Amino acid sequence: MKNTRTAFWLHAALLTVFIGASSAPSPLYEFYAREWGLGPAAVTVVFAVYAVAVLLTLLVVGSLADHVGTRPVLLGAVGLQVAAMMTFAFASGPGVLVAARALQGIATGAAMGAAGAALLAFEGAGGNGRGSLVNSAASPVGLSVGALGSASLVRFLPEPTKAVYFLVAALLLGLGAALVWLPSAGRKAPGAIRSLVPEARIPRSARRTMAATMPVAAATWALAGFYLSLGPVLAHAMTKDGSVLVGGLALVALFVPGALAILVVRRWSDRKTLLTGVIALISGILLTVLAVQLGSAPLYFGGTAVAGVGFGSGYFGAMRMTLPLCGPHERIGMLSSIYVICYLGFSVPAVAAGLLVPVAGMKNTTLIYGLALVLAAVPALVLIAKGTRTNRINLAAAPSAAS
């Protein structure tokens, strides 16, 4: 029992560090842009290479842990991520940066499905919801710690483009060593080679709910993608302050409220959680768009914080409504499918925004991007409204049925 509990928290830490590592380069993008003459479009392409690599890896190895167990997949992912960190640390130009980002995406894609499934397996007898909670919280916690930690290291330590990567590599090596001595989740079954054929597995029982909730999950990740690629640049423009910490604070303003929101809503009903997330997401995005149009830095950070609440509770609500609809043998495939959807939202809109900025300007790009995310949240509102209406009808019919 003790080993199971330790294994749960080790996998939670591992997933958080992997996701945190994905945001570590963000505060450094402007440094790379100045050093190598990269424009906004090039920066978003470098950013998107990571997301594309995650997507492809999830599709190819997303179900591998169902056949070999989670430990071998995670140990391989740790090795690749450490190699990616060293490639970042000694990058000498944009080509090496792209290679490091691609390697990081492969490592993260391999780890996310396996670590997420291990969390569900080790959460406790009968399931107590901790697995879904940590799977959801790992994203905002990891992204905020990674962004602020990276910005702080860049600001206060020598060798700014190396220190953050050395630290992440050391953390991963320590967690990987501990992983060897703890239980592995996932069954060992034949068909490992066949499982590498790209396939997104969504159980029939979950498809209708996913059709309504996944646009919200994708919208929350699209918001994260925008901030991780262009958020620091926008924050510097809004505040007229070029400090790397300002860029990091813009990310913290989004992701810390997201993590706190998950802790607040974790005992709420699924529908109330999702409704809170959708309303906060829409409100925060509209406030942020208004702030950019007015040039108001306080309103920008305030709107970002409200949107962060939507990011955390909306993503958590979507995950919590969807994950219980699959069986234990479907967890890894289901998680991989969810992450594929989220990372499509994470990458494609951010690249489109980067290409749009030179043509339409930052204000118009923010406006278009924000309205698109608001529209993506509408299906979840419809689902919640239908569920509420159904409950009311059932309650109204209950007395007559009894009589």
Protein backbone atom coordinates (compact mmCIF):
# COMPACT_ATOMS: atom_id res chain seq x y z
CA MET A 1 0.00 0.00 0.00
CA LYS A 2 2.84 2.37 0.92
CA ASN A 3 4.62 1.60 -2.35
CA THR A 4 1.42 2.30 -4.28
CA ARG A 5 1.02 5.69 -2.59
CA THR A 6 4.67 6.55 -3.24
CA ALA A 7 4.32 5.44 -6.85
CA PHE A 8 1.28 7.69 -7.27
CA TRP A 9 3.11 10.82 -6.11
CA LEU A 10 6.26 9.94 -8.02
CA HIS A 11 4.27 9.73 -11.25
CA ALA A 12 2.52 12.99 -10.33
CA ALA A 13 5.91 14.68 -9.91
CA LEU A 14 7.20 13.13 -13.12
CA LEU A 15 4.21 14.33 -15.16
CA THR A 16 4.46 17.82 -13.65
CA VAL A 17 8.19 18.10 -14.42
CA PHE A 18 7.68 16.92 -18.00
CA ILE A 19 4.95 19.52 -18.58
CA GLY A 20 6.93 22.18 -16.72
CA ALA A 21 9.91 21.53 -18.97
CA SER A 22 7.72 22.37 -21.98
CA SER A 23 7.25 25.94 -20.73
CA ALA A 24 10.87 26.42 -19.62
CA PRO A 25 12.06 27.74 -23.02
CA SER A 26 9.20 30.29 -23.32
CA PRO A 27 10.84 33.14 -21.34
CA LEU A 28 13.96 32.57 -23.47
CA TYR A 29 12.24 32.94 -26.85
CA GLU A 30 12.89 36.67 -26.97
CA PHE A 31 16.56 36.07 -26.20
CA TYR A 32 16.73 33.55 -29.02
CA ALA A 33 14.87 35.97 -31.31
CA ARG A 34 17.39 38.74 -30.64
CA GLU A 35 20.37 36.41 -30.85
CA TRP A 36 19.40 34.80 -34.15
CA GLY A 37 17.05 37.40 -35.68
CA LEU A 38 13.83 35.39 -35.38
CA GLY A 39 10.44 37.08 -36.01
CA PRO A 40 7.09 36.20 -34.34
CA ALA A 41 6.23 33.67 -37.05
CA ALA A 42 9.56 31.86 -36.60
CA VAL A 43 9.16 31.83 -32.82
CA THR A 44 5.70 30.25 -33.05
CA VAL A 45 6.98 27.67 -35.53
CA VAL A 46 9.75 26.69 -33.08
CA PHE A 47 7.08 26.49 -30.39
CA ALA A 48 4.75 24.42 -32.60
CA VAL A 49 7.42 21.85 -33.51
CA TYR A 50 7.15 20.65 -29.93
CA ALA A 51 3.37 20.25 -30.11
CA VAL A 52 3.51 18.43 -33.46
CA ALA A 53 6.12 16.03 -32.04
CA VAL A 54 3.89 15.42 -29.00
CA LEU A 55 0.91 14.69 -31.26
CA LEU A 56 2.75 12.24 -33.48
CA THR A 57 4.30 10.46 -30.50
CA LEU A 58 0.94 10.14 -28.74
CA LEU A 59 -0.54 8.58 -31.87
CA VAL A 60 2.37 6.16 -32.36
CA VAL A 61 3.32 5.11 -28.81
CA GLY A 62 0.21 6.23 -26.91
CA SER A 63 -0.92 2.63 -26.31
CA LEU A 64 2.51 1.00 -26.01
CA ALA A 65 2.38 0.99 -22.20
CA ASP A 66 -0.73 -1.23 -22.45
CA HIS A 67 1.60 -3.94 -23.74
CA VAL A 68 4.95 -3.38 -21.99
CA GLY A 69 3.90 -1.54 -18.83
CA THR A 70 4.42 2.12 -17.96
CA ARG A 71 7.95 1.91 -16.51
CA PRO A 72 9.88 1.12 -19.73
CA VAL A 73 8.03 3.85 -21.61
CA LEU A 74 8.68 6.41 -18.88
CA LEU A 75 12.35 5.51 -18.51
CA GLY A 76 12.80 5.92 -22.27
CA ALA A 77 10.99 9.26 -22.09
CA VAL A 78 13.26 10.45 -19.26
CA GLY A 79 16.34 9.60 -21.31
CA LEU A 80 15.02 11.49 -24.34
CA GLN A 81 14.01 14.51 -22.24
CA VAL A 82 17.45 14.72 -20.65
CA ALA A 83 18.99 14.61 -24.14
CA ALA A 84 16.60 17.40 -25.20
CA MET A 85 17.66 19.54 -22.22
CA MET A 86 21.31 19.16 -23.14
CA THR A 87 20.54 20.04 -26.76
CA PHE A 88 18.76 23.21 -25.59
CA ALA A 89 21.64 24.11 -23.30
CA PHE A 90 24.19 23.99 -26.09
CA ALA A 91 22.00 25.23 -28.98
CA SER A 92 24.05 27.29 -31.41
CA GLY A 93 21.32 28.39 -33.80
CA PRO A 94 17.62 28.07 -34.72
CA GLY A 95 18.14 24.67 -36.38
CA VAL A 96 19.47 23.13 -33.16
CA LEU A 97 16.66 24.84 -31.22
CA VAL A 98 14.08 23.19 -33.49
CA ALA A 99 15.80 19.81 -33.05
CA ALA A 100 15.76 20.21 -29.26
CA ARG A 101 12.09 21.17 -29.30
CA ALA A 102 11.23 18.15 -31.47
CA LEU A 103 13.15 15.80 -29.17
CA GLN A 104 11.39 17.32 -26.18
CA GLY A 105 8.01 16.77 -27.85
CA ILE A 106 8.76 13.10 -28.49
CA ALA A 107 9.80 12.60 -24.86
CA THR A 108 6.76 14.42 -23.47
CA GLY A 109 4.33 12.64 -25.78
CA ALA A 110 5.70 9.26 -24.67
CA ALA A 111 5.46 10.25 -21.00
CA MET A 112 2.05 11.89 -20.83
CA GLY A 113 -0.15 8.92 -21.64
CA ALA A 114 1.92 6.47 -19.55
CA ALA A 115 2.26 8.74 -16.50
CA GLY A 116 -1.41 9.75 -16.68
CA ALA A 117 -2.56 6.12 -16.84
CA ALA A 118 -0.25 5.23 -13.93
CA LEU A 119 -1.90 7.97 -11.85
CA LEU A 120 -5.31 6.43 -12.50
CA ALA A 121 -3.99 2.96 -11.67
CA PHE A 122 -2.32 4.03 -8.40
CA GLU A 123 -5.03 6.40 -7.13
CA GLY A 124 -6.48 3.84 -4.72
CA ALA A 125 -8.88 0.94 -4.52
CA GLY A 126 -12.11 1.70 -6.32
CA GLY A 127 -10.77 5.06 -7.50
CA ASN A 128 -11.00 8.20 -5.36
CA GLY A 129 -10.69 10.87 -8.04
CA ARG A 130 -7.08 11.77 -7.26
CA GLY A 131 -5.92 10.47 -10.63
CA SER A 132 -8.20 12.78 -12.62
CA LEU A 133 -7.39 15.65 -10.25
CA VAL A 134 -3.62 15.32 -10.64
CA ASN A 135 -3.85 14.65 -14.39
CA SER A 136 -5.64 17.98 -14.71
CA ALA A 137 -3.63 19.94 -12.13
CA ALA A 138 -0.25 18.83 -13.52
CA SER A 139 -0.70 21.06 -16.57
CA PRO A 140 -1.27 24.47 -14.92
CA VAL A 141 1.09 23.69 -12.02
CA GLY A 142 3.86 22.46 -14.31
CA LEU A 143 3.44 25.27 -16.82
CA SER A 144 3.43 28.01 -14.16
CA VAL A 145 6.40 26.61 -12.20
CA GLY A 146 8.32 25.99 -15.42
CA ALA A 147 7.69 29.49 -16.77
CA LEU A 148 8.37 31.43 -13.55
CA GLY A 149 11.29 29.21 -12.57
CA SER A 150 12.87 29.63 -15.98
CA ALA A 151 12.34 33.41 -15.95
CA SER A 152 13.86 33.68 -12.46
CA LEU A 153 16.89 31.59 -13.36
CA VAL A 154 17.41 33.62 -16.53
CA ARG A 155 17.16 36.87 -14.57
CA PHE A 156 19.34 36.06 -11.56
CA LEU A 157 21.80 33.30 -12.48
CA PRO A 158 24.77 33.30 -14.84
CA GLU A 159 24.59 31.29 -18.07
CA PRO A 160 20.82 31.95 -18.43
CA THR A 161 20.38 29.70 -21.44
CA LYS A 162 21.96 26.73 -19.65
CA ALA A 163 21.04 26.81 -15.94
CA VAL A 164 17.33 26.04 -16.38
CA TYR A 165 18.01 23.06 -18.61
CA PHE A 166 20.65 21.61 -16.29
CA LEU A 167 18.19 21.86 -13.38
CA VAL A 168 15.36 20.12 -15.27
CA ALA A 169 17.74 17.36 -16.40
CA ALA A 170 18.88 16.78 -12.80
CA LEU A 171 15.27 16.55 -11.57
CA LEU A 172 14.39 14.06 -14.29
CA LEU A 173 17.40 11.88 -13.58
CA GLY A 174 16.47 11.74 -9.89
CA LEU A 175 12.84 10.84 -10.62
CA GLY A 176 13.89 8.29 -13.22
CA ALA A 177 16.19 6.58 -10.72
CA ALA A 178 13.36 6.37 -8.18
CA LEU A 179 11.05 4.96 -10.84
CA VAL A 180 13.20 1.83 -11.16
CA TRP A 181 12.41 0.80 -7.58
CA LEU A 182 8.65 1.36 -7.63
CA PRO A 183 5.75 -0.63 -9.15
CA SER A 184 4.93 -0.34 -12.84
CA ALA A 185 1.34 0.16 -13.96
CA GLY A 186 -0.21 -1.35 -17.05
CA ARG A 187 -0.44 -4.98 -18.08
CA LYS A 188 2.11 -6.85 -20.17
CA ALA A 189 0.32 -8.21 -23.22
CA PRO A 190 1.19 -9.27 -26.75
CA GLY A 191 0.81 -6.88 -29.66
CA ALA A 192 3.39 -4.23 -28.72
CA ILE A 193 4.58 -3.82 -32.32
CA ARG A 194 1.03 -3.72 -33.65
CA SER A 195 0.14 -1.00 -31.11
CA LEU A 196 2.64 1.36 -32.81
CA VAL A 197 0.29 1.75 -35.77
CA PRO A 198 -1.15 5.28 -35.31
CA GLU A 199 -4.65 5.10 -33.87
CA ALA A 200 -6.84 7.33 -31.70
CA ARG A 201 -8.99 5.18 -29.45
CA ILE A 202 -12.20 6.71 -28.13
CA PRO A 203 -14.62 4.27 -26.48
CA ARG A 204 -18.13 4.39 -27.95
CA SER A 205 -19.56 5.15 -24.50
CA ALA A 206 -17.54 8.39 -24.29
CA ARG A 207 -17.97 9.80 -27.77
CA ARG A 208 -21.09 11.92 -27.22
CA THR A 209 -19.72 13.52 -24.03
CA MET A 210 -16.33 14.10 -25.64
CA ALA A 211 -17.95 15.86 -28.60
CA ALA A 212 -19.26 18.48 -26.20
CA THR A 213 -16.43 18.72 -23.67
CA MET A 214 -13.32 18.42 -25.82
CA PRO A 215 -13.82 21.75 -27.65
CA VAL A 216 -13.56 23.41 -24.23
CA ALA A 217 -10.45 21.39 -23.36
CA ALA A 218 -8.94 22.31 -26.73
CA ALA A 219 -9.85 25.97 -26.18
CA THR A 220 -8.11 26.02 -22.79
CA TRP A 221 -4.97 24.59 -24.38
CA ALA A 222 -5.24 26.99 -27.32
CA LEU A 223 -5.21 29.79 -24.75
CA ALA A 224 -2.13 28.23 -23.13
CA GLY A 225 -0.46 27.93 -26.54
CA PHE A 226 -1.06 31.60 -27.30
CA TYR A 227 0.45 32.69 -23.98
CA LEU A 228 3.42 30.33 -24.18
CA SER A 229 4.34 31.49 -27.69
CA LEU A 230 3.32 35.16 -27.76
CA GLY A 231 2.31 35.97 -24.16
CA PRO A 232 5.71 37.34 -23.03
CA VAL A 233 5.95 39.57 -26.12
CA LEU A 234 2.43 40.88 -25.51
CA ALA A 235 3.14 41.48 -21.80
CA HIS A 236 6.25 43.49 -22.63
CA ALA A 237 4.29 45.57 -25.13
CA MET A 238 1.48 46.20 -22.64
CA THR A 239 3.74 47.15 -19.71
CA LYS A 240 6.53 48.84 -21.72
CA ASP A 241 8.90 46.71 -19.61
CA GLY A 242 11.27 44.33 -21.36
CA SER A 243 12.28 42.37 -18.23
CA VAL A 244 12.19 38.59 -18.65
CA LEU A 245 10.33 38.40 -15.33
CA VAL A 246 7.42 40.38 -16.80
CA GLY A 247 7.10 37.79 -19.54
CA GLY A 248 7.21 35.02 -16.94
CA LEU A 249 4.57 36.77 -14.80
CA ALA A 250 2.17 36.84 -17.75
CA LEU A 251 2.35 33.05 -17.82
CA VAL A 252 2.04 32.77 -14.05
CA ALA A 253 -1.04 35.03 -14.15
CA LEU A 254 -2.70 32.44 -16.38
CA PHE A 255 -1.51 29.14 -14.91
CA VAL A 256 -1.45 29.75 -11.13
CA PRO A 257 -5.18 30.69 -10.98
CA GLY A 258 -5.77 27.60 -13.12
CA ALA A 259 -4.08 25.36 -10.57
CA LEU A 260 -5.87 27.03 -7.63
CA ALA A 261 -9.22 26.74 -9.41
CA ILE A 262 -8.81 22.97 -9.69
CA LEU A 263 -8.24 22.74 -5.93
CA VAL A 264 -11.39 24.80 -5.28
CA VAL A 265 -13.75 22.97 -7.66
CA ARG A 266 -12.50 19.41 -7.11
CA ARG A 267 -15.46 18.59 -4.82
CA TRP A 268 -18.08 20.26 -7.00
CA SER A 269 -20.35 18.38 -9.37
CA ASP A 270 -19.04 17.76 -12.89
CA ARG A 271 -21.54 20.09 -14.52
CA LYS A 272 -20.99 22.91 -12.02
CA THR A 273 -17.23 22.59 -12.51
CA LEU A 274 -17.50 22.69 -16.29
CA LEU A 275 -20.00 25.57 -16.20
CA THR A 276 -17.67 27.59 -13.95
CA GLY A 277 -14.80 26.89 -16.30
CA VAL A 278 -16.70 27.90 -19.43
CA ILE A 279 -18.03 31.14 -17.91
CA ALA A 280 -14.62 32.11 -16.50
CA LEU A 281 -12.91 31.22 -19.77
CA ILE A 282 -15.28 33.35 -21.85
CA SER A 283 -15.20 36.26 -19.37
CA GLY A 284 -11.42 36.21 -19.01
CA ILE A 285 -10.80 36.06 -22.75
CA LEU A 286 -13.17 38.96 -23.41
CA LEU A 287 -11.52 41.03 -20.66
CA THR A 288 -8.07 40.26 -22.04
CA VAL A 289 -9.10 41.17 -25.59
CA LEU A 290 -10.58 44.44 -24.29
CA ALA A 291 -7.38 45.17 -22.35
CA VAL A 292 -5.26 44.73 -25.48
CA GLN A 293 -7.53 47.03 -27.47
CA LEU A 294 -7.36 49.68 -24.72
CA GLY A 295 -3.68 49.17 -23.94
CA SER A 296 -4.43 48.57 -20.24
CA ALA A 297 -1.81 46.44 -18.49
CA PRO A 298 -3.79 46.03 -15.19
CA LEU A 299 -6.87 44.87 -17.10
CA TYR A 300 -4.68 42.55 -19.16
CA PHE A 301 -3.29 40.77 -16.10
CA GLY A 302 -6.73 40.73 -14.44
CA GLY A 303 -8.37 39.25 -17.52
CA THR A 304 -5.55 36.73 -17.78
CA ALA A 305 -6.16 35.61 -14.19
CA VAL A 306 -9.90 35.15 -14.84
CA ALA A 307 -9.10 33.21 -18.02
CA GLY A 308 -6.70 31.12 -15.92
CA VAL A 309 -9.60 30.11 -13.66
CA GLY A 310 -11.39 29.02 -16.83
CA PHE A 311 -8.32 27.14 -18.01
CA GLY A 312 -8.06 25.10 -14.82
CA SER A 313 -11.70 24.40 -14.03
CA GLY A 314 -12.75 24.02 -17.68
CA TYR A 315 -10.02 21.51 -18.44
CA PHE A 316 -10.58 19.65 -15.16
CA GLY A 317 -14.35 19.56 -15.73
CA ALA A 318 -13.91 18.18 -19.23
CA MET A 319 -11.46 15.53 -18.03
CA ARG A 320 -13.61 14.51 -15.07
CA MET A 321 -16.73 14.13 -17.21
CA THR A 322 -14.87 12.06 -19.80
CA LEU A 323 -12.32 9.79 -18.08
CA PRO A 324 -14.83 7.72 -16.01
CA LEU A 325 -16.53 6.66 -19.25
CA CYS A 326 -13.68 4.29 -20.19
CA GLY A 327 -12.66 0.93 -18.73
CA PRO A 328 -9.26 0.24 -17.13
CA HIS A 329 -7.94 -1.36 -20.33
CA GLU A 330 -8.95 1.74 -22.31
CA ARG A 331 -7.28 4.37 -20.09
CA ILE A 332 -4.03 4.88 -21.96
CA GLY A 333 -5.69 5.02 -25.38
CA MET A 334 -8.36 7.38 -24.02
CA LEU A 335 -5.82 9.70 -22.40
CA SER A 336 -3.75 9.72 -25.57
CA SER A 337 -6.83 10.70 -27.59
CA ILE A 338 -7.63 13.52 -25.17
CA TYR A 339 -4.06 14.80 -25.29
CA VAL A 340 -4.09 14.64 -29.11
CA ILE A 341 -7.17 16.87 -29.15
CA CYS A 342 -5.68 19.25 -26.58
CA TYR A 343 -2.34 19.51 -28.36
CA LEU A 344 -4.04 20.19 -31.68
CA GLY A 345 -5.64 23.14 -29.89
CA PHE A 346 -2.29 23.95 -28.31
CA SER A 347 -0.33 24.13 -31.56
CA VAL A 348 -2.40 24.91 -34.66
CA PRO A 349 -4.05 28.15 -33.43
CA ALA A 350 -0.76 29.41 -31.94
CA VAL A 351 1.03 28.95 -35.26
CA ALA A 352 -1.85 30.66 -37.07
CA ALA A 353 -1.58 33.57 -34.62
CA GLY A 354 2.17 33.85 -35.20
CA LEU A 355 1.62 34.01 -38.95
CA LEU A 356 -1.22 36.51 -38.54
CA VAL A 357 0.66 38.99 -36.32
CA PRO A 358 2.89 40.44 -39.10
CA VAL A 359 -0.18 40.87 -41.32
CA ALA A 360 -2.92 42.00 -38.94
CA GLY A 361 -0.95 43.28 -35.95
CA MET A 362 -1.07 42.09 -32.33
CA LYS A 363 -4.36 43.83 -31.47
CA ASN A 364 -6.35 42.33 -34.33
CA THR A 365 -4.72 38.92 -33.88
CA THR A 366 -5.69 38.90 -30.19
CA LEU A 367 -9.25 39.89 -31.11
CA ILE A 368 -9.65 37.14 -33.73
CA TYR A 369 -8.00 34.53 -31.52
CA GLY A 370 -10.14 35.44 -28.51
CA LEU A 371 -13.43 35.30 -30.39
CA ALA A 372 -12.52 31.89 -31.86
CA LEU A 373 -11.90 30.51 -28.36
CA VAL A 374 -15.20 31.91 -27.11
CA LEU A 375 -17.03 30.12 -29.93
CA ALA A 376 -15.27 26.86 -29.04
CA ALA A 377 -16.80 27.00 -25.56
CA VAL A 378 -20.39 27.08 -26.85
CA PRO A 379 -20.88 23.25 -27.21
CA ALA A 380 -20.17 22.78 -23.50
CA LEU A 381 -22.80 25.38 -22.61
CA VAL A 382 -25.29 23.46 -24.74
CA LEU A 383 -24.38 20.19 -22.97
CA ILE A 384 -24.81 21.79 -19.55
CA ALA A 385 -28.12 23.39 -20.55
CA LYS A 386 -29.45 20.06 -21.88
CA GLY A 387 -28.37 18.26 -18.73
CA THR A 388 -30.01 20.86 -16.49
CA ARG A 389 -33.22 20.73 -18.53
CA THR A 390 -33.28 16.92 -18.38
CA ASN A 391 -32.84 16.98 -14.59
CA ARG A 392 -35.70 19.45 -14.24
CA ILE A 393 -37.99 17.32 -16.38
CA ASN A 394 -37.11 14.21 -14.36
CA LEU A 395 -37.78 16.04 -11.08
CA ALA A 396 -41.11 17.35 -12.39
CA ALA A 397 -42.15 13.88 -13.56
CA ALA A 398 -41.15 12.10 -10.34
CA PRO A 399 -44.27 12.95 -8.22
CA SER A 400 -46.72 11.90 -10.95
CA ALA A 401 -44.81 8.65 -11.46
CA ALA A 402 -45.03 7.95 -7.75
CA SER A 403 -48.75 8.51 -7.71
